[in-house]
Protein backbone atom coordinates (compact mmCIF):
# COMPACT_ATOMS: atom_id res chain seq x y z
CA GLU A 1 70.44 -65.65 40.97
CA ASP A 2 73.57 -67.47 42.15
CA LEU A 3 73.96 -69.06 38.73
CA LEU A 4 73.63 -65.70 36.99
CA GLU A 5 76.10 -64.14 39.38
CA SER A 6 78.62 -66.92 38.77
CA LYS A 7 78.30 -66.38 35.00
CA ARG A 8 78.23 -62.57 35.12
CA LYS A 9 81.73 -62.05 33.69
CA TRP A 10 81.16 -64.59 30.91
CA ILE A 11 77.82 -62.96 29.99
CA TYR A 12 79.24 -59.43 29.85
CA THR A 13 82.31 -60.54 27.92
CA HIS A 14 80.27 -62.34 25.27
CA LEU A 15 77.69 -59.56 25.09
CA ALA A 16 80.45 -57.00 24.50
CA GLU A 17 81.99 -59.21 21.80
CA TRP A 18 78.60 -59.66 20.12
CA GLN A 19 78.00 -55.88 20.15
CA ASP A 20 81.47 -55.24 18.73
CA LEU A 21 81.00 -57.73 15.90
CA ASN A 22 77.52 -56.44 15.05
CA ALA A 23 78.76 -52.84 15.02
CA ARG A 24 80.38 -53.79 11.69
CA LYS A 25 77.00 -54.39 10.10
CA ILE A 26 76.54 -52.34 6.96
CA GLU A 27 73.15 -50.96 6.03
CA ARG A 28 72.81 -51.04 2.26
CA HIS A 29 70.44 -48.94 0.19
CA TYR A 30 69.13 -49.69 -3.27
CA VAL A 31 70.66 -46.64 -4.96
CA ASN A 32 73.10 -46.24 -7.85
CA GLY A 33 76.67 -46.85 -6.73
CA GLU A 34 75.88 -48.80 -3.54
CA GLY A 35 78.16 -51.81 -3.09
CA PHE A 36 76.77 -55.33 -2.80
CA LEU A 37 78.88 -58.43 -2.14
CA TYR A 38 79.16 -61.57 -4.24
CA LEU A 39 81.85 -64.20 -3.60
CA GLY A 40 83.82 -61.80 -1.45
CA ARG A 41 83.91 -58.96 -3.96
CA SER A 42 81.88 -55.75 -3.89
CA TYR A 43 79.95 -54.82 -7.02
CA ARG A 44 78.30 -51.44 -7.48
CA LEU A 45 74.59 -51.26 -8.08
CA LYS A 46 73.24 -49.81 -11.30
CA LEU A 47 69.51 -49.13 -11.59
CA VAL A 48 68.32 -49.82 -15.13
CA PRO A 49 64.87 -49.49 -16.73
CA GLU A 50 64.76 -52.76 -18.65
CA LEU A 51 66.28 -56.14 -17.85
CA ALA A 52 65.53 -59.73 -18.79
CA GLU A 53 65.56 -60.56 -15.06
CA PRO A 54 64.92 -58.41 -11.95
CA LEU A 55 68.64 -58.57 -11.02
CA MET A 56 71.72 -59.48 -13.03
CA LEU A 57 75.47 -59.33 -12.55
CA LYS A 58 76.56 -57.72 -15.81
CA ASP A 59 79.73 -55.92 -16.91
CA GLY A 60 81.03 -55.71 -13.33
CA TYR A 61 77.80 -54.24 -11.93
CA PHE A 62 74.74 -55.53 -10.17
CA CYS A 63 72.01 -54.33 -12.52
CA LEU A 64 68.65 -53.95 -10.80
CA GLN A 65 65.45 -53.30 -12.68
CA ALA A 66 63.89 -49.96 -11.77
CA THR A 67 60.79 -48.70 -13.56
CA ASN A 68 59.99 -44.97 -13.43
CA GLY A 69 62.50 -44.57 -10.61
CA SER A 70 60.71 -47.22 -8.55
CA ILE A 71 62.53 -50.32 -7.35
CA MET A 72 60.15 -53.22 -7.09
CA ALA A 73 61.07 -55.97 -4.62
CA ALA A 74 64.82 -55.29 -4.63
CA ASP A 75 65.34 -57.26 -1.43
CA ALA A 76 63.58 -60.30 -2.88
CA ALA A 77 65.54 -60.01 -6.14
CA PHE A 78 68.88 -60.08 -4.31
CA LYS A 79 67.84 -62.99 -2.10
CA GLU A 80 66.69 -64.99 -5.13
CA PHE A 81 69.95 -64.18 -6.94
CA TYR A 82 72.01 -65.46 -4.00
CA ARG A 83 69.81 -68.56 -3.62
CA GLU A 84 70.17 -69.47 -7.28
CA LYS A 85 73.92 -68.89 -7.29
CA GLY A 86 74.27 -70.87 -4.06
CA ALA A 87 72.23 -73.77 -5.45
CA ALA A 88 74.64 -73.91 -8.39
CA ARG A 89 77.95 -73.36 -6.53
CA ILE A 90 77.58 -75.02 -3.13
CA PRO A 91 76.72 -78.62 -4.16
CA PRO A 92 79.95 -79.05 -6.18
CA ARG A 93 81.96 -77.80 -3.16
CA VAL A 94 80.07 -80.27 -0.95
CA ALA A 95 80.80 -83.08 -3.44
CA TYR A 96 84.51 -82.19 -3.48
CA PHE A 97 84.88 -82.22 0.31
CA GLN A 98 82.52 -85.13 1.01
CA ALA A 99 84.83 -87.36 -1.02
CA LYS A 100 87.76 -86.26 1.18
CA MET A 101 85.78 -86.81 4.38
CA ASP A 102 84.01 -90.03 3.35
CA VAL A 103 80.55 -88.70 4.24
CA GLU A 104 77.40 -88.18 2.23
CA PRO A 105 74.65 -85.70 3.04
CA ARG A 106 71.07 -86.64 2.28
CA SER A 107 70.22 -83.25 0.74
CA ILE A 108 71.64 -79.77 0.20
CA LYS A 109 69.49 -76.63 0.32
CA VAL A 110 70.15 -72.91 0.14
CA ILE A 111 67.59 -71.11 2.29
CA ASP A 112 67.20 -68.29 4.81
CA LEU A 113 68.52 -69.53 8.14
CA LYS A 114 68.08 -66.25 10.03
CA HIS A 115 71.20 -66.02 12.25
CA ARG A 116 73.12 -69.14 11.17
CA TRP A 117 75.47 -69.63 8.24
CA ALA A 118 74.54 -73.26 7.81
CA SER A 119 73.08 -76.25 9.59
CA CYS A 120 73.23 -80.03 9.54
CA THR A 121 70.07 -81.85 10.59
CA PRO A 122 70.14 -85.15 12.52
CA GLY A 123 68.88 -86.80 9.31
CA GLY A 124 71.95 -85.64 7.36
CA ASN A 125 70.44 -82.70 5.47
CA LEU A 126 72.71 -79.71 4.92
CA ASN A 127 71.22 -76.23 4.79
CA PHE A 128 73.19 -73.15 3.78
CA HIS A 129 72.13 -69.54 4.24
CA TRP A 130 71.88 -67.57 0.99
CA LYS A 131 74.20 -64.99 2.62
CA CYS A 132 77.06 -67.49 2.22
CA MET A 133 77.26 -66.35 -1.41
CA MET A 134 78.50 -62.96 -0.22
CA ALA A 135 81.63 -64.57 1.27
CA PRO A 136 84.84 -65.45 -0.58
CA LEU A 137 85.04 -69.03 -1.87
CA THR A 138 87.62 -69.93 0.79
CA ILE A 139 85.09 -69.04 3.48
CA ILE A 140 82.29 -70.93 1.72
CA ASP A 141 84.62 -73.95 1.69
CA TYR A 142 85.13 -73.59 5.45
CA ILE A 143 81.35 -73.49 6.03
CA VAL A 144 80.94 -76.61 3.84
CA VAL A 145 83.67 -78.55 5.68
CA HIS A 146 82.24 -77.46 9.04
CA GLU A 147 78.79 -78.83 8.16
CA LEU A 148 80.15 -82.03 6.64
CA ALA A 149 82.08 -82.66 9.85
CA HIS A 150 78.75 -82.50 11.68
CA LEU A 151 77.69 -85.61 9.76
CA LEU A 152 80.38 -87.42 11.77
CA TYR A 153 80.24 -85.41 15.00
CA PRO A 154 77.02 -83.58 15.92
CA ASN A 155 78.71 -81.36 18.54
CA HIS A 156 81.71 -79.05 18.55
CA THR A 157 83.89 -81.53 20.43
CA ALA A 158 87.66 -81.89 20.10
CA ALA A 159 87.04 -84.79 17.67
CA PHE A 160 84.85 -82.52 15.53
CA TRP A 161 87.53 -79.80 15.29
CA ASN A 162 90.19 -82.44 14.66
CA GLN A 163 88.14 -83.65 11.67
CA VAL A 164 87.83 -80.10 10.31
CA ASP A 165 91.59 -79.59 10.83
CA LYS A 166 92.43 -82.77 8.89
CA VAL A 167 90.65 -81.45 5.81
CA MET A 168 91.39 -77.75 6.25
CA PRO A 169 94.49 -77.04 8.38
CA ASP A 170 93.93 -73.26 8.14
CA PHE A 171 90.30 -73.48 9.29
CA GLN A 172 90.94 -71.21 12.30
CA GLU A 173 91.89 -68.26 10.08
CA ARG A 174 88.77 -68.83 7.97
CA LYS A 175 86.60 -69.18 11.06
CA ASP A 176 88.05 -65.93 12.46
CA TRP A 177 87.47 -64.15 9.13
CA LEU A 178 83.83 -65.19 9.18
CA ARG A 179 83.39 -64.06 12.79
CA ASP A 180 85.04 -60.68 12.07
CA ASN A 181 83.37 -59.99 8.69
CA GLY A 182 80.09 -61.86 8.86
CA ALA A 183 78.04 -58.90 10.13
CA GLY A 184 78.94 -57.00 6.94
CA MET A 185 77.42 -59.69 4.77
CA ASP A 186 73.80 -58.66 4.74
CA LEU A 187 71.33 -56.67 2.67
């Protein structure tokens, strides 16, 4: 109880901040005209009867297959779209920054990480959340540099942040952007 009491202010401050940031969460619906993010830009949804794939980005719209007014597995279609796009876009960004940082990850995956943007395992594997593909490229680059720095420094020590700063001097603005806008990047 003494420990909790000594941390009371810190707990309430961080809880209030968490609630404020999560108040910005946007609930999206799979209806015509709803906006969905890709690389920091919002694209309107268009429900169409026939498509070659369940979801496509076409003519400035997210086109989602809907048969007889029914939307089959829309959530899964969006997640698969983001995973595929991430698997194509993130590894080249990792390759670009790993050369600058003189590190080499063992593997790169785009998966569902629940409440994390990315992770670096002790074995050197980098995992990125599919939601990263909703962010602008500058923010994706920050996430990549952050995880690559963990290959050198497993914790968020001063040396870790110094490494991030060497590669990306404006990392703090990008980090703040992600903190302030991250809750809005969801399905």
